[in-house]
Amino acid sequence: MRCPSCSYIFSEELRTCPRCGADVGAELEKLGYFPQPAKEPFLFIEDFQKTPTYEVPAKGQTEVEKPQKREIEINFQELSNEMKDIT
């Protein structure tokens, strides 16, 4: 929000300008309802941590079998023919 008196930009949560102290309550009422900020964060650090894509060996276990790589064969000629049939 921009203060109408001093043009200072601040959060809509405040009803007075932090720089000049002007009351901006009337301006907020003209603009409409602004929801209150969340009290607690809705995103946590665990949401952004990567989880391993393989199994970690448990205690007493020597090693977990790792997934094997596979090759995928794509027949581009058949794919091209299918695309021609679609269009």
N, C-alpha and C. Protein backbone atom coordinates (compact mmCIF):
# COMPACT_ATOMS: atom_id res chain seq x y z
N MET A 1 0.85 -1.17 0.00
CA MET A 1 0.00 0.00 0.00
C MET A 1 0.89 1.23 0.00
N ARG A 2 0.46 2.27 -0.66
CA ARG A 2 1.21 3.52 -0.71
C ARG A 2 0.49 4.56 0.14
N CYS A 3 1.25 5.21 1.02
CA CYS A 3 0.69 6.24 1.89
C CYS A 3 0.26 7.44 1.03
N PRO A 4 -0.97 7.95 1.21
CA PRO A 4 -1.42 9.10 0.43
C PRO A 4 -0.70 10.40 0.81
N SER A 5 -0.10 10.45 2.00
CA SER A 5 0.58 11.67 2.44
C SER A 5 2.04 11.74 1.99
N CYS A 6 2.80 10.66 2.26
CA CYS A 6 4.25 10.71 2.00
C CYS A 6 4.70 9.75 0.90
N SER A 7 3.80 8.96 0.34
CA SER A 7 4.07 8.00 -0.75
C SER A 7 4.95 6.84 -0.32
N TYR A 8 5.06 6.59 0.98
CA TYR A 8 5.83 5.46 1.49
C TYR A 8 5.05 4.18 1.21
N ILE A 9 5.72 3.13 0.75
CA ILE A 9 5.07 1.86 0.45
C ILE A 9 5.25 0.92 1.64
N PHE A 10 4.14 0.35 2.12
CA PHE A 10 4.18 -0.55 3.28
C PHE A 10 3.08 -1.60 3.15
N SER A 11 3.04 -2.52 4.09
CA SER A 11 2.11 -3.64 4.07
C SER A 11 0.68 -3.19 4.34
N GLU A 12 -0.28 -3.88 3.73
CA GLU A 12 -1.70 -3.58 3.94
C GLU A 12 -2.17 -3.96 5.33
N GLU A 13 -1.35 -4.69 6.08
CA GLU A 13 -1.73 -5.12 7.43
C GLU A 13 -1.77 -3.94 8.39
N LEU A 14 -1.01 -2.89 8.10
CA LEU A 14 -0.92 -1.73 8.99
C LEU A 14 -2.02 -0.73 8.64
N ARG A 15 -2.55 -0.07 9.67
CA ARG A 15 -3.60 0.93 9.46
C ARG A 15 -3.06 2.35 9.55
N THR A 16 -1.79 2.49 9.95
CA THR A 16 -1.14 3.80 9.96
C THR A 16 0.20 3.68 9.26
N CYS A 17 0.61 4.77 8.62
CA CYS A 17 1.88 4.78 7.89
C CYS A 17 3.04 4.74 8.89
N PRO A 18 4.00 3.83 8.71
CA PRO A 18 5.13 3.76 9.64
C PRO A 18 6.06 4.96 9.53
N ARG A 19 6.07 5.66 8.41
CA ARG A 19 6.96 6.80 8.23
C ARG A 19 6.36 8.09 8.80
N CYS A 20 5.15 8.45 8.38
CA CYS A 20 4.60 9.74 8.80
C CYS A 20 3.47 9.62 9.81
N GLY A 21 2.95 8.41 10.03
CA GLY A 21 1.90 8.21 11.02
C GLY A 21 0.51 8.53 10.52
N ALA A 22 0.34 8.76 9.22
CA ALA A 22 -0.98 9.08 8.66
C ALA A 22 -1.90 7.88 8.77
N ASP A 23 -3.18 8.15 9.07
CA ASP A 23 -4.19 7.09 9.17
C ASP A 23 -4.63 6.71 7.76
N VAL A 24 -4.48 5.45 7.41
CA VAL A 24 -4.86 4.98 6.08
C VAL A 24 -6.04 4.01 6.16
N GLY A 25 -6.73 3.99 7.28
CA GLY A 25 -7.89 3.11 7.46
C GLY A 25 -8.97 3.37 6.44
N ALA A 26 -9.24 4.64 6.13
CA ALA A 26 -10.27 4.97 5.15
C ALA A 26 -9.87 4.47 3.76
N GLU A 27 -8.60 4.59 3.42
CA GLU A 27 -8.12 4.10 2.12
C GLU A 27 -8.28 2.59 2.03
N LEU A 28 -7.99 1.90 3.13
CA LEU A 28 -8.13 0.44 3.14
C LEU A 28 -9.58 0.04 2.94
N GLU A 29 -10.51 0.78 3.54
CA GLU A 29 -11.92 0.47 3.38
C GLU A 29 -12.37 0.67 1.93
N LYS A 30 -11.82 1.66 1.24
CA LYS A 30 -12.15 1.88 -0.17
C LYS A 30 -11.66 0.72 -1.03
N LEU A 31 -10.46 0.22 -0.70
CA LEU A 31 -9.87 -0.85 -1.50
C LEU A 31 -10.55 -2.19 -1.28
N GLY A 32 -11.12 -2.39 -0.11
CA GLY A 32 -11.79 -3.65 0.17
C GLY A 32 -11.06 -4.45 1.21
N TYR A 33 -11.49 -5.69 1.36
CA TYR A 33 -11.00 -6.59 2.40
C TYR A 33 -9.65 -7.18 2.03
N PHE A 34 -8.71 -7.13 2.97
CA PHE A 34 -7.43 -7.82 2.83
C PHE A 34 -7.37 -8.89 3.91
N PRO A 35 -7.15 -10.15 3.57
CA PRO A 35 -7.11 -11.20 4.59
C PRO A 35 -5.95 -11.00 5.56
N GLN A 36 -6.15 -11.44 6.78
CA GLN A 36 -5.11 -11.35 7.80
C GLN A 36 -3.98 -12.32 7.45
N PRO A 37 -2.75 -11.98 7.78
CA PRO A 37 -1.63 -12.89 7.50
C PRO A 37 -1.73 -14.15 8.37
N ALA A 38 -1.14 -15.21 7.90
CA ALA A 38 -1.14 -16.47 8.64
C ALA A 38 -0.33 -16.34 9.91
N LYS A 39 -0.83 -16.93 10.97
CA LYS A 39 -0.13 -16.89 12.26
C LYS A 39 1.07 -17.84 12.25
N GLU A 40 0.87 -18.99 11.63
CA GLU A 40 1.93 -20.00 11.56
C GLU A 40 2.30 -20.20 10.09
N PRO A 41 3.55 -20.57 9.83
CA PRO A 41 3.92 -20.82 8.43
C PRO A 41 3.18 -22.04 7.88
N PHE A 42 2.77 -21.97 6.63
CA PHE A 42 2.07 -23.10 6.04
C PHE A 42 3.01 -23.97 5.22
N LEU A 43 4.24 -23.52 5.02
CA LEU A 43 5.26 -24.33 4.37
C LEU A 43 6.37 -24.59 5.38
N PHE A 44 6.86 -25.80 5.40
CA PHE A 44 7.90 -26.18 6.33
C PHE A 44 9.15 -26.60 5.56
N ILE A 45 10.29 -26.59 6.22
CA ILE A 45 11.55 -26.95 5.59
C ILE A 45 11.50 -28.39 5.07
N GLU A 46 10.73 -29.26 5.74
CA GLU A 46 10.64 -30.66 5.31
C GLU A 46 9.98 -30.78 3.93
N ASP A 47 9.16 -29.79 3.56
CA ASP A 47 8.52 -29.83 2.25
C ASP A 47 9.52 -29.68 1.12
N PHE A 48 10.69 -29.11 1.41
CA PHE A 48 11.67 -28.83 0.37
C PHE A 48 12.89 -29.74 0.43
N GLN A 49 12.93 -30.64 1.40
CA GLN A 49 14.07 -31.55 1.50
C GLN A 49 13.86 -32.72 0.55
N LYS A 50 14.93 -33.10 -0.13
CA LYS A 50 14.84 -34.22 -1.06
C LYS A 50 14.88 -35.53 -0.30
N THR A 51 14.04 -36.45 -0.70
CA THR A 51 14.06 -37.78 -0.10
C THR A 51 14.84 -38.69 -1.04
N PRO A 52 15.56 -39.65 -0.50
CA PRO A 52 16.33 -40.54 -1.37
C PRO A 52 15.40 -41.37 -2.25
N THR A 53 15.82 -41.59 -3.49
CA THR A 53 15.01 -42.38 -4.42
C THR A 53 15.41 -43.86 -4.38
N TYR A 54 16.24 -44.21 -3.47
CA TYR A 54 16.65 -45.59 -3.30
C TYR A 54 16.52 -45.94 -1.82
N GLU A 55 16.57 -47.24 -1.54
CA GLU A 55 16.44 -47.68 -0.15
C GLU A 55 17.77 -47.56 0.57
N VAL A 56 17.69 -47.11 1.81
CA VAL A 56 18.88 -47.01 2.65
C VAL A 56 18.97 -48.31 3.44
N PRO A 57 20.16 -48.94 3.50
CA PRO A 57 20.27 -50.19 4.24
C PRO A 57 19.97 -50.01 5.72
N ALA A 58 19.23 -50.96 6.28
CA ALA A 58 18.91 -50.93 7.71
C ALA A 58 20.11 -51.44 8.50
N LYS A 59 20.07 -51.25 9.81
CA LYS A 59 21.18 -51.74 10.65
C LYS A 59 21.29 -53.25 10.51
N GLY A 60 22.49 -53.71 10.38
CA GLY A 60 22.73 -55.14 10.26
C GLY A 60 22.67 -55.63 8.82
N GLN A 61 22.14 -54.84 7.93
CA GLN A 61 22.07 -55.21 6.52
C GLN A 61 23.32 -54.70 5.83
N THR A 62 23.85 -55.51 4.92
CA THR A 62 25.08 -55.10 4.25
C THR A 62 24.82 -54.10 3.13
N GLU A 63 23.94 -54.43 2.22
CA GLU A 63 23.69 -53.52 1.10
C GLU A 63 22.31 -53.79 0.54
N VAL A 64 21.67 -52.77 0.10
CA VAL A 64 20.37 -52.89 -0.54
C VAL A 64 20.57 -52.98 -2.04
N GLU A 65 19.79 -53.82 -2.67
CA GLU A 65 19.91 -53.98 -4.12
C GLU A 65 19.47 -52.69 -4.81
N LYS A 66 20.34 -52.16 -5.66
CA LYS A 66 20.03 -50.91 -6.36
C LYS A 66 19.24 -51.23 -7.63
N PRO A 67 18.36 -50.33 -8.02
CA PRO A 67 17.61 -50.57 -9.25
C PRO A 67 18.53 -50.60 -10.46
N GLN A 68 18.21 -51.47 -11.39
CA GLN A 68 19.03 -51.60 -12.59
C GLN A 68 18.55 -50.63 -13.66
N LYS A 69 19.50 -50.17 -14.47
CA LYS A 69 19.16 -49.26 -15.56
C LYS A 69 18.55 -50.07 -16.69
N ARG A 70 17.54 -49.47 -17.33
CA ARG A 70 16.90 -50.12 -18.46
C ARG A 70 16.98 -49.20 -19.66
N GLU A 71 17.06 -49.80 -20.81
CA GLU A 71 17.04 -49.02 -22.03
C GLU A 71 15.64 -49.09 -22.62
N ILE A 72 15.21 -47.97 -23.14
CA ILE A 72 13.90 -47.90 -23.76
C ILE A 72 14.10 -47.73 -25.25
N GLU A 73 13.45 -48.58 -26.02
CA GLU A 73 13.57 -48.49 -27.47
C GLU A 73 12.37 -47.72 -28.01
N ILE A 74 12.66 -46.75 -28.86
CA ILE A 74 11.61 -45.97 -29.49
C ILE A 74 11.77 -46.10 -30.99
N ASN A 75 10.72 -46.54 -31.63
CA ASN A 75 10.73 -46.67 -33.08
C ASN A 75 10.17 -45.37 -33.66
N PHE A 76 11.06 -44.53 -34.15
CA PHE A 76 10.65 -43.22 -34.64
C PHE A 76 9.83 -43.31 -35.93
N GLN A 77 10.05 -44.34 -36.70
CA GLN A 77 9.28 -44.50 -37.94
C GLN A 77 7.82 -44.76 -37.60
N GLU A 78 7.55 -45.66 -36.65
CA GLU A 78 6.18 -45.93 -36.24
C GLU A 78 5.55 -44.69 -35.61
N LEU A 79 6.32 -43.99 -34.82
CA LEU A 79 5.82 -42.78 -34.18
C LEU A 79 5.45 -41.73 -35.22
N SER A 80 6.27 -41.60 -36.23
CA SER A 80 6.00 -40.66 -37.31
C SER A 80 4.73 -41.04 -38.06
N ASN A 81 4.55 -42.33 -38.33
CA ASN A 81 3.34 -42.80 -39.02
C ASN A 81 2.10 -42.54 -38.18
N GLU A 82 2.19 -42.76 -36.88
CA GLU A 82 1.05 -42.51 -35.99
C GLU A 82 0.70 -41.02 -35.96
N MET A 83 1.71 -40.18 -35.98
CA MET A 83 1.46 -38.74 -35.97
C MET A 83 0.77 -38.30 -37.26
N LYS A 84 1.15 -38.92 -38.38
CA LYS A 84 0.51 -38.60 -39.66
C LYS A 84 -0.95 -39.02 -39.65
N ASP A 85 -1.24 -40.17 -39.02
CA ASP A 85 -2.62 -40.66 -38.95
C ASP A 85 -3.49 -39.73 -38.10
N ILE A 86 -2.91 -39.16 -37.08
CA ILE A 86 -3.67 -38.29 -36.17
C ILE A 86 -4.02 -36.98 -36.85
N THR A 87 -3.08 -36.45 -37.61
CA THR A 87 -3.31 -35.12 -38.21
C THR A 87 -4.02 -35.17 -39.52
